[in-house]
Amino acid sequence: MTARIYQRPKNAMQSGKALTDRWILEFEPAEAKKPDPLMGWAGSGDMKQQLQLSFPSREDAQAYADRYGIAARVHATPPKRLKIQAYADNFR
């Protein structure tokens, strides 16, 4: 049972940064998805794919994984790069 721990990225469709300070523990798929013969929907018998746990810090998520014997990989958050630009730069 493996999982990944990451910080939720900012929504590209909105300017707000709500819930971006939370860390997510998400289980990796244990089996491949296969199409349903009747409807054609993709599905699998792996119920852990539906589980997503939220933590206030990376250390809390890692401590949870260690406590329950879950092999977890931490994906580092990329640094935030700001493009400082003035409105007058549009007319140069």
PDB file of N, CA and C in Angstrom:
ATOM      1  N   MET A   1       0.852  -1.164   0.000  1.00  0.00           N
ATOM      2  CA  MET A   1       0.000   0.000   0.000  1.00  0.00           C
ATOM      3  C   MET A   1       0.904   1.235   0.000  1.00  0.00           C
ATOM      4  N   THR A   2       0.891   1.974  -1.082  1.00  0.00           N
ATOM      5  CA  THR A   2       1.697   3.181  -1.180  1.00  0.00           C
ATOM      6  C   THR A   2       0.788   4.390  -1.350  1.00  0.00           C
ATOM      7  N   ALA A   3       1.306   5.516  -0.935  1.00  0.00           N
ATOM      8  CA  ALA A   3       0.536   6.757  -1.022  1.00  0.00           C
ATOM      9  C   ALA A   3       1.477   7.884  -1.407  1.00  0.00           C
ATOM     10  N   ARG A   4       0.878   9.001  -1.770  1.00  0.00           N
ATOM     11  CA  ARG A   4       1.679  10.188  -2.040  1.00  0.00           C
ATOM     12  C   ARG A   4       1.118  11.338  -1.227  1.00  0.00           C
ATOM     13  N   ILE A   5       2.022  12.184  -0.776  1.00  0.00           N
ATOM     14  CA  ILE A   5       1.666  13.340   0.024  1.00  0.00           C
ATOM     15  C   ILE A   5       2.060  14.566  -0.781  1.00  0.00           C
ATOM     16  N   TYR A   6       1.116  15.464  -0.966  1.00  0.00           N
ATOM     17  CA  TYR A   6       1.395  16.669  -1.739  1.00  0.00           C
ATOM     18  C   TYR A   6       0.541  17.819  -1.214  1.00  0.00           C
ATOM     19  N   GLN A   7       0.924  19.017  -1.602  1.00  0.00           N
ATOM     20  CA  GLN A   7       0.165  20.197  -1.229  1.00  0.00           C
ATOM     21  C   GLN A   7      -0.732  20.569  -2.400  1.00  0.00           C
ATOM     22  N   ARG A   8      -1.975  20.845  -2.109  1.00  0.00           N
ATOM     23  CA  ARG A   8      -2.953  21.136  -3.153  1.00  0.00           C
ATOM     24  C   ARG A   8      -2.553  22.407  -3.914  1.00  0.00           C
ATOM     25  N   PRO A   9      -2.537  22.363  -5.239  1.00  0.00           N
ATOM     26  CA  PRO A   9      -2.169  23.559  -6.010  1.00  0.00           C
ATOM     27  C   PRO A   9      -3.310  24.571  -6.049  1.00  0.00           C
ATOM     28  N   LYS A  10      -2.967  25.790  -6.405  1.00  0.00           N
ATOM     29  CA  LYS A  10      -3.954  26.849  -6.544  1.00  0.00           C
ATOM     30  C   LYS A  10      -4.819  26.578  -7.765  1.00  0.00           C
ATOM     31  N   ASN A  11      -6.092  26.859  -7.652  1.00  0.00           N
ATOM     32  CA  ASN A  11      -7.005  26.676  -8.763  1.00  0.00           C
ATOM     33  C   ASN A  11      -6.672  27.692  -9.860  1.00  0.00           C
ATOM     34  N   ALA A  12      -6.474  27.221 -11.073  1.00  0.00           N
ATOM     35  CA  ALA A  12      -6.096  28.108 -12.171  1.00  0.00           C
ATOM     36  C   ALA A  12      -7.254  28.980 -12.647  1.00  0.00           C
ATOM     37  N   MET A  13      -8.466  28.605 -12.320  1.00  0.00           N
ATOM     38  CA  MET A  13      -9.627  29.346 -12.800  1.00  0.00           C
ATOM     39  C   MET A  13     -10.031  30.488 -11.869  1.00  0.00           C
ATOM     40  N   GLN A  14      -9.441  30.551 -10.684  1.00  0.00           N
ATOM     41  CA  GLN A  14      -9.810  31.589  -9.729  1.00  0.00           C
ATOM     42  C   GLN A  14      -8.552  32.198  -9.141  1.00  0.00           C
ATOM     43  N   SER A  15      -8.679  33.419  -8.640  1.00  0.00           N
ATOM     44  CA  SER A  15      -7.513  34.083  -8.079  1.00  0.00           C
ATOM     45  C   SER A  15      -7.313  33.757  -6.600  1.00  0.00           C
ATOM     46  N   GLY A  16      -8.290  33.157  -5.952  1.00  0.00           N
ATOM     47  CA  GLY A  16      -8.201  32.847  -4.539  1.00  0.00           C
ATOM     48  C   GLY A  16      -7.239  31.707  -4.245  1.00  0.00           C
ATOM     49  N   LYS A  17      -6.786  31.647  -3.012  1.00  0.00           N
ATOM     50  CA  LYS A  17      -5.831  30.617  -2.602  1.00  0.00           C
ATOM     51  C   LYS A  17      -6.392  29.759  -1.470  1.00  0.00           C
ATOM     52  N   ALA A  18      -7.702  29.560  -1.452  1.00  0.00           N
ATOM     53  CA  ALA A  18      -8.331  28.771  -0.398  1.00  0.00           C
ATOM     54  C   ALA A  18      -7.882  27.318  -0.487  1.00  0.00           C
ATOM     55  N   LEU A  19      -7.644  26.708   0.665  1.00  0.00           N
ATOM     56  CA  LEU A  19      -7.269  25.297   0.821  1.00  0.00           C
ATOM     57  C   LEU A  19      -5.903  24.950   0.233  1.00  0.00           C
ATOM     58  N   THR A  20      -5.096  25.924  -0.175  1.00  0.00           N
ATOM     59  CA  THR A  20      -3.772  25.606  -0.709  1.00  0.00           C
ATOM     60  C   THR A  20      -2.755  25.372   0.393  1.00  0.00           C
ATOM     61  N   ASP A  21      -3.114  25.680   1.641  1.00  0.00           N
ATOM     62  CA  ASP A  21      -2.183  25.427   2.738  1.00  0.00           C
ATOM     63  C   ASP A  21      -2.326  24.015   3.287  1.00  0.00           C
ATOM     64  N   ARG A  22      -3.315  23.246   2.840  1.00  0.00           N
ATOM     65  CA  ARG A  22      -3.545  21.884   3.315  1.00  0.00           C
ATOM     66  C   ARG A  22      -2.672  20.894   2.552  1.00  0.00           C
ATOM     67  N   TRP A  23      -2.303  19.801   3.208  1.00  0.00           N
ATOM     68  CA  TRP A  23      -1.527  18.720   2.597  1.00  0.00           C
ATOM     69  C   TRP A  23      -2.445  17.524   2.430  1.00  0.00           C
ATOM     70  N   ILE A  24      -2.340  16.845   1.308  1.00  0.00           N
ATOM     71  CA  ILE A  24      -3.228  15.744   0.944  1.00  0.00           C
ATOM     72  C   ILE A  24      -2.438  14.434   0.941  1.00  0.00           C
ATOM     73  N   LEU A  25      -3.009  13.398   1.562  1.00  0.00           N
ATOM     74  CA  LEU A  25      -2.470  12.043   1.472  1.00  0.00           C
ATOM     75  C   LEU A  25      -3.438  11.264   0.589  1.00  0.00           C
ATOM     76  N   GLU A  26      -2.918  10.749  -0.518  1.00  0.00           N
ATOM     77  CA  GLU A  26      -3.748  10.082  -1.511  1.00  0.00           C
ATOM     78  C   GLU A  26      -3.098   8.748  -1.860  1.00  0.00           C
ATOM     79  N   PHE A  27      -3.877   7.678  -1.881  1.00  0.00           N
ATOM     80  CA  PHE A  27      -3.348   6.363  -2.186  1.00  0.00           C
ATOM     81  C   PHE A  27      -3.171   6.188  -3.686  1.00  0.00           C
ATOM     82  N   GLU A  28      -2.089   5.507  -4.066  1.00  0.00           N
ATOM     83  CA  GLU A  28      -1.847   5.225  -5.472  1.00  0.00           C
ATOM     84  C   GLU A  28      -2.660   4.001  -5.880  1.00  0.00           C
ATOM     85  N   PRO A  29      -3.051   3.900  -7.157  1.00  0.00           N
ATOM     86  CA  PRO A  29      -3.887   2.775  -7.578  1.00  0.00           C
ATOM     87  C   PRO A  29      -3.165   1.437  -7.427  1.00  0.00           C
ATOM     88  N   ALA A  30      -3.883   0.458  -6.884  1.00  0.00           N
ATOM     89  CA  ALA A  30      -3.312  -0.872  -6.692  1.00  0.00           C
ATOM     90  C   ALA A  30      -3.546  -1.763  -7.903  1.00  0.00           C
ATOM     91  N   GLU A  31      -4.548  -1.447  -8.692  1.00  0.00           N
ATOM     92  CA  GLU A  31      -4.828  -2.236  -9.887  1.00  0.00           C
ATOM     93  C   GLU A  31      -5.282  -1.297 -11.006  1.00  0.00           C
ATOM     94  N   ALA A  32      -5.127  -1.766 -12.217  1.00  0.00           N
ATOM     95  CA  ALA A  32      -5.493  -0.956 -13.377  1.00  0.00           C
ATOM     96  C   ALA A  32      -7.008  -0.899 -13.533  1.00  0.00           C
ATOM     97  N   LYS A  33      -7.484   0.195 -14.097  1.00  0.00           N
ATOM     98  CA  LYS A  33      -8.909   0.316 -14.371  1.00  0.00           C
ATOM     99  C   LYS A  33      -9.249  -0.459 -15.638  1.00  0.00           C
ATOM    100  N   LYS A  34     -10.443  -1.015 -15.638  1.00  0.00           N
ATOM    101  CA  LYS A  34     -10.890  -1.767 -16.818  1.00  0.00           C
ATOM    102  C   LYS A  34     -12.286  -1.294 -17.194  1.00  0.00           C
ATOM    103  N   PRO A  35     -12.640  -1.337 -18.475  1.00  0.00           N
ATOM    104  CA  PRO A  35     -13.958  -0.850 -18.881  1.00  0.00           C
ATOM    105  C   PRO A  35     -15.068  -1.823 -18.483  1.00  0.00           C
ATOM    106  N   ASP A  36     -16.183  -1.268 -18.089  1.00  0.00           N
ATOM    107  CA  ASP A  36     -17.362  -2.055 -17.764  1.00  0.00           C
ATOM    108  C   ASP A  36     -17.972  -2.571 -19.071  1.00  0.00           C
ATOM    109  N   PRO A  37     -18.293  -3.866 -19.150  1.00  0.00           N
ATOM    110  CA  PRO A  37     -18.792  -4.395 -20.424  1.00  0.00           C
ATOM    111  C   PRO A  37     -20.136  -3.798 -20.855  1.00  0.00           C
ATOM    112  N   LEU A  38     -20.976  -3.395 -19.920  1.00  0.00           N
ATOM    113  CA  LEU A  38     -22.299  -2.894 -20.279  1.00  0.00           C
ATOM    114  C   LEU A  38     -22.273  -1.408 -20.629  1.00  0.00           C
ATOM    115  N   MET A  39     -21.701  -0.584 -19.755  1.00  0.00           N
ATOM    116  CA  MET A  39     -21.743   0.865 -19.948  1.00  0.00           C
ATOM    117  C   MET A  39     -20.468   1.434 -20.555  1.00  0.00           C
ATOM    118  N   GLY A  40     -19.348   0.729 -20.408  1.00  0.00           N
ATOM    119  CA  GLY A  40     -18.098   1.235 -20.947  1.00  0.00           C
ATOM    120  C   GLY A  40     -17.355   2.161 -20.002  1.00  0.00           C
ATOM    121  N   TRP A  41     -17.873   2.374 -18.789  1.00  0.00           N
ATOM    122  CA  TRP A  41     -17.205   3.231 -17.827  1.00  0.00           C
ATOM    123  C   TRP A  41     -15.953   2.546 -17.304  1.00  0.00           C
ATOM    124  N   ALA A  42     -14.938   3.336 -16.990  1.00  0.00           N
ATOM    125  CA  ALA A  42     -13.708   2.785 -16.421  1.00  0.00           C
ATOM    126  C   ALA A  42     -13.891   2.627 -14.914  1.00  0.00           C
ATOM    127  N   GLY A  43     -13.480   1.487 -14.393  1.00  0.00           N
ATOM    128  CA  GLY A  43     -13.608   1.244 -12.965  1.00  0.00           C
ATOM    129  C   GLY A  43     -12.687   0.131 -12.526  1.00  0.00           C
ATOM    130  N   SER A  44     -12.526   0.011 -11.215  1.00  0.00           N
ATOM    131  CA  SER A  44     -11.703  -1.057 -10.654  1.00  0.00           C
ATOM    132  C   SER A  44     -12.261  -1.430  -9.285  1.00  0.00           C
ATOM    133  N   GLY A  45     -11.731  -2.477  -8.710  1.00  0.00           N
ATOM    134  CA  GLY A  45     -12.156  -2.912  -7.391  1.00  0.00           C
ATOM    135  C   GLY A  45     -11.364  -2.268  -6.270  1.00  0.00           C
ATOM    136  N   ASP A  46     -10.479  -1.347  -6.600  1.00  0.00           N
ATOM    137  CA  ASP A  46      -9.630  -0.694  -5.608  1.00  0.00           C
ATOM    138  C   ASP A  46     -10.391   0.465  -4.967  1.00  0.00           C
ATOM    139  N   MET A  47     -10.811   0.290  -3.725  1.00  0.00           N
ATOM    140  CA  MET A  47     -11.589   1.325  -3.043  1.00  0.00           C
ATOM    141  C   MET A  47     -10.715   2.426  -2.449  1.00  0.00           C
ATOM    142  N   LYS A  48      -9.422   2.184  -2.296  1.00  0.00           N
ATOM    143  CA  LYS A  48      -8.554   3.188  -1.689  1.00  0.00           C
ATOM    144  C   LYS A  48      -8.296   4.372  -2.613  1.00  0.00           C
ATOM    145  N   GLN A  49      -8.565   4.216  -3.912  1.00  0.00           N
ATOM    146  CA  GLN A  49      -8.405   5.329  -4.831  1.00  0.00           C
ATOM    147  C   GLN A  49      -9.390   6.451  -4.526  1.00  0.00           C
ATOM    148  N   GLN A  50     -10.499   6.132  -3.876  1.00  0.00           N
ATOM    149  CA  GLN A  50     -11.519   7.125  -3.580  1.00  0.00           C
ATOM    150  C   GLN A  50     -11.217   7.894  -2.302  1.00  0.00           C
ATOM    151  N   LEU A  51     -10.233   7.453  -1.549  1.00  0.00           N
ATOM    152  CA  LEU A  51      -9.915   8.051  -0.256  1.00  0.00           C
ATOM    153  C   LEU A  51      -8.877   9.143  -0.413  1.00  0.00           C
ATOM    154  N   GLN A  52      -9.158  10.297   0.185  1.00  0.00           N
ATOM    155  CA  GLN A  52      -8.223  11.423   0.153  1.00  0.00           C
ATOM    156  C   GLN A  52      -8.263  12.088   1.531  1.00  0.00           C
ATOM    157  N   LEU A  53      -7.137  12.049   2.240  1.00  0.00           N
ATOM    158  CA  LEU A  53      -7.071  12.603   3.591  1.00  0.00           C
ATOM    159  C   LEU A  53      -6.379  13.955   3.555  1.00  0.00           C
ATOM    160  N   SER A  54      -6.868  14.892   4.347  1.00  0.00           N
ATOM    161  CA  SER A  54      -6.329  16.247   4.380  1.00  0.00           C
ATOM    162  C   SER A  54      -5.691  16.501   5.747  1.00  0.00           C
ATOM    163  N   PHE A  55      -4.526  17.153   5.753  1.00  0.00           N
ATOM    164  CA  PHE A  55      -3.775  17.435   6.975  1.00  0.00           C
ATOM    165  C   PHE A  55      -3.325  18.895   6.969  1.00  0.00           C
ATOM    166  N   PRO A  56      -3.153  19.493   8.154  1.00  0.00           N
ATOM    167  CA  PRO A  56      -2.716  20.894   8.201  1.00  0.00           C
ATOM    168  C   PRO A  56      -1.239  21.090   7.853  1.00  0.00           C
ATOM    169  N   SER A  57      -0.413  20.041   7.980  1.00  0.00           N
ATOM    170  CA  SER A  57       1.015  20.204   7.663  1.00  0.00           C
ATOM    171  C   SER A  57       1.568  18.908   7.081  1.00  0.00           C
ATOM    172  N   ARG A  58       2.726  19.031   6.452  1.00  0.00           N
ATOM    173  CA  ARG A  58       3.388  17.870   5.858  1.00  0.00           C
ATOM    174  C   ARG A  58       3.805  16.878   6.938  1.00  0.00           C
ATOM    175  N   GLU A  59       4.256  17.400   8.075  1.00  0.00           N
ATOM    176  CA  GLU A  59       4.705  16.536   9.163  1.00  0.00           C
ATOM    177  C   GLU A  59       3.555  15.689   9.711  1.00  0.00           C
ATOM    178  N   ASP A  60       2.353  16.264   9.780  1.00  0.00           N
ATOM    179  CA  ASP A  60       1.196  15.510  10.261  1.00  0.00           C
ATOM    180  C   ASP A  60       0.831  14.390   9.291  1.00  0.00           C
ATOM    181  N   ALA A  61       0.894  14.674   8.008  1.00  0.00           N
ATOM    182  CA  ALA A  61       0.587  13.649   7.007  1.00  0.00           C
ATOM    183  C   ALA A  61       1.620  12.534   7.038  1.00  0.00           C
ATOM    184  N   GLN A  62       2.895  12.897   7.188  1.00  0.00           N
ATOM    185  CA  GLN A  62       3.952  11.883   7.253  1.00  0.00           C
ATOM    186  C   GLN A  62       3.838  11.056   8.529  1.00  0.00           C
ATOM    187  N   ALA A  63       3.469  11.699   9.642  1.00  0.00           N
ATOM    188  CA  ALA A  63       3.297  10.970  10.904  1.00  0.00           C
ATOM    189  C   ALA A  63       2.133   9.983  10.807  1.00  0.00           C
ATOM    190  N   TYR A  64       1.054  10.356  10.140  1.00  0.00           N
ATOM    191  CA  TYR A  64      -0.075   9.455   9.944  1.00  0.00           C
ATOM    192  C   TYR A  64       0.353   8.235   9.121  1.00  0.00           C
ATOM    193  N   ALA A  65       1.091   8.489   8.047  1.00  0.00           N
ATOM    194  CA  ALA A  65       1.550   7.383   7.195  1.00  0.00           C
ATOM    195  C   ALA A  65       2.480   6.454   7.971  1.00  0.00           C
ATOM    196  N   ASP A  66       3.366   7.008   8.769  1.00  0.00           N
ATOM    197  CA  ASP A  66       4.284   6.194   9.559  1.00  0.00           C
ATOM    198  C   ASP A  66       3.536   5.380  10.619  1.00  0.00           C
ATOM    199  N   ARG A  67       2.539   6.001  11.241  1.00  0.00           N
ATOM    200  CA  ARG A  67       1.784   5.334  12.307  1.00  0.00           C
ATOM    201  C   ARG A  67       1.042   4.104  11.780  1.00  0.00           C
ATOM    202  N   TYR A  68       0.519   4.178  10.569  1.00  0.00           N
ATOM    203  CA  TYR A  68      -0.258   3.078  10.021  1.00  0.00           C
ATOM    204  C   TYR A  68       0.510   2.238   9.003  1.00  0.00           C
ATOM    205  N   GLY A  69       1.815   2.429   8.902  1.00  0.00           N
ATOM    206  CA  GLY A  69       2.651   1.594   8.047  1.00  0.00           C
ATOM    207  C   GLY A  69       2.420   1.804   6.561  1.00  0.00           C
ATOM    208  N   ILE A  70       2.100   3.015   6.178  1.00  0.00           N
ATOM    209  CA  ILE A  70       1.860   3.334   4.768  1.00  0.00           C
ATOM    210  C   ILE A  70       3.143   3.904   4.185  1.00  0.00           C
ATOM    211  N   ALA A  71       3.630   3.289   3.120  1.00  0.00           N
ATOM    212  CA  ALA A  71       4.819   3.808   2.442  1.00  0.00           C
ATOM    213  C   ALA A  71       4.397   5.027   1.632  1.00  0.00           C
ATOM    214  N   ALA A  72       4.847   6.199   2.041  1.00  0.00           N
ATOM    215  CA  ALA A  72       4.396   7.441   1.404  1.00  0.00           C
ATOM    216  C   ALA A  72       5.580   8.199   0.820  1.00  0.00           C
ATOM    217  N   ARG A  73       5.354   8.764  -0.361  1.00  0.00           N
ATOM    218  CA  ARG A  73       6.341   9.643  -1.001  1.00  0.00           C
ATOM    219  C   ARG A  73       5.822  11.062  -0.899  1.00  0.00           C
ATOM    220  N   VAL A  74       6.700  11.978  -0.523  1.00  0.00           N
ATOM    221  CA  VAL A  74       6.320  13.382  -0.405  1.00  0.00           C
ATOM    222  C   VAL A  74       6.736  14.099  -1.681  1.00  0.00           C
ATOM    223  N   HIS A  75       5.775  14.718  -2.332  1.00  0.00           N
ATOM    224  CA  HIS A  75       6.043  15.516  -3.524  1.00  0.00           C
ATOM    225  C   HIS A  75       6.180  16.967  -3.079  1.00  0.00           C
ATOM    226  N   ALA A  76       7.361  17.522  -3.268  1.00  0.00           N
ATOM    227  CA  ALA A  76       7.616  18.890  -2.818  1.00  0.00           C
ATOM    228  C   ALA A  76       6.814  19.893  -3.638  1.00  0.00           C
ATOM    229  N   THR A  77       6.428  20.957  -2.982  1.00  0.00           N
ATOM    230  CA  THR A  77       5.694  22.023  -3.654  1.00  0.00           C
ATOM    231  C   THR A  77       6.678  22.870  -4.446  1.00  0.00           C
ATOM    232  N   PRO A  78       6.401  23.127  -5.722  1.00  0.00           N
ATOM    233  CA  PRO A  78       7.322  23.964  -6.491  1.00  0.00           C
ATOM    234  C   PRO A  78       7.319  25.394  -5.955  1.00  0.00           C
ATOM    235  N   PRO A  79       8.454  26.077  -6.058  1.00  0.00           N
ATOM    236  CA  PRO A  79       8.497  27.455  -5.541  1.00  0.00           C
ATOM    237  C   PRO A  79       7.582  28.368  -6.356  1.00  0.00           C
ATOM    238  N   LYS A  80       7.004  29.327  -5.663  1.00  0.00           N
ATOM    239  CA  LYS A  80       6.114  30.270  -6.325  1.00  0.00           C
ATOM    240  C   LYS A  80       6.946  31.367  -6.981  1.00  0.00           C
ATOM    241  N   ARG A  81       6.698  31.566  -8.265  1.00  0.00           N
ATOM    242  CA  ARG A  81       7.406  32.612  -8.994  1.00  0.00           C
ATOM    243  C   ARG A  81       6.417  33.702  -9.361  1.00  0.00           C
ATOM    244  N   LEU A  82       6.702  34.902  -8.950  1.00  0.00           N
ATOM    245  CA  LEU A  82       5.846  36.030  -9.264  1.00  0.00           C
ATOM    246  C   LEU A  82       6.409  36.784 -10.460  1.00  0.00           C
ATOM    247  N   LYS A  83       5.555  37.132 -11.378  1.00  0.00           N
ATOM    248  CA  LYS A  83       5.962  37.938 -12.518  1.00  0.00           C
ATOM    249  C   LYS A  83       5.495  39.357 -12.232  1.00  0.00           C
ATOM    250  N   ILE A  84       6.427  40.172 -11.747  1.00  0.00           N
ATOM    251  CA  ILE A  84       6.099  41.550 -11.409  1.00  0.00           C
ATOM    252  C   ILE A  84       6.022  42.341 -12.704  1.00  0.00           C
ATOM    253  N   GLN A  85       4.855  42.919 -12.953  1.00  0.00           N
ATOM    254  CA  GLN A  85       4.644  43.634 -14.194  1.00  0.00           C
ATOM    255  C   GLN A  85       3.721  44.815 -13.919  1.00  0.00           C
ATOM    256  N   ALA A  86       4.038  45.942 -14.492  1.00  0.00           N
ATOM    257  CA  ALA A  86       3.214  47.129 -14.370  1.00  0.00           C
ATOM    258  C   ALA A  86       2.262  47.203 -15.552  1.00  0.00           C
ATOM    259  N   TYR A  87       1.177  47.910 -15.384  1.00  0.00           N
ATOM    260  CA  TYR A  87       0.208  48.074 -16.456  1.00  0.00           C
ATOM    261  C   TYR A  87       0.825  48.802 -17.643  1.00  0.00           C
ATOM    262  N   ALA A  88       1.750  49.693 -17.371  1.00  0.00           N
ATOM    263  CA  ALA A  88       2.393  50.464 -18.447  1.00  0.00           C
ATOM    264  C   ALA A  88       3.252  49.580 -19.351  1.00  0.00           C
ATOM    265  N   ASP A  89       3.659  48.415 -18.864  1.00  0.00           N
ATOM    266  CA  ASP A  89       4.469  47.503 -19.689  1.00  0.00           C
ATOM    267  C   ASP A  89       3.683  46.974 -20.887  1.00  0.00           C
ATOM    268  N   ASN A  90       2.363  47.041 -20.853  1.00  0.00           N
ATOM    269  CA  ASN A  90       1.551  46.566 -21.979  1.00  0.00           C
ATOM    270  C   ASN A  90       1.686  47.473 -23.205  1.00  0.00           C
ATOM    271  N   PHE A  91       2.188  48.696 -23.029  1.00  0.00           N
ATOM    272  CA  PHE A  91       2.241  49.662 -24.107  1.00  0.00           C
ATOM    273  C   PHE A  91       3.660  49.939 -24.577  1.00  0.00           C
ATOM    274  N   ARG A  92       4.597  49.113 -24.266  1.00  0.00           N
ATOM    275  CA  ARG A  92       5.987  49.312 -24.708  1.00  0.00           C
ATOM    276  C   ARG A  92       6.262  48.553 -25.948  1.00  0.00           C
TER     277      ARG A  92
END
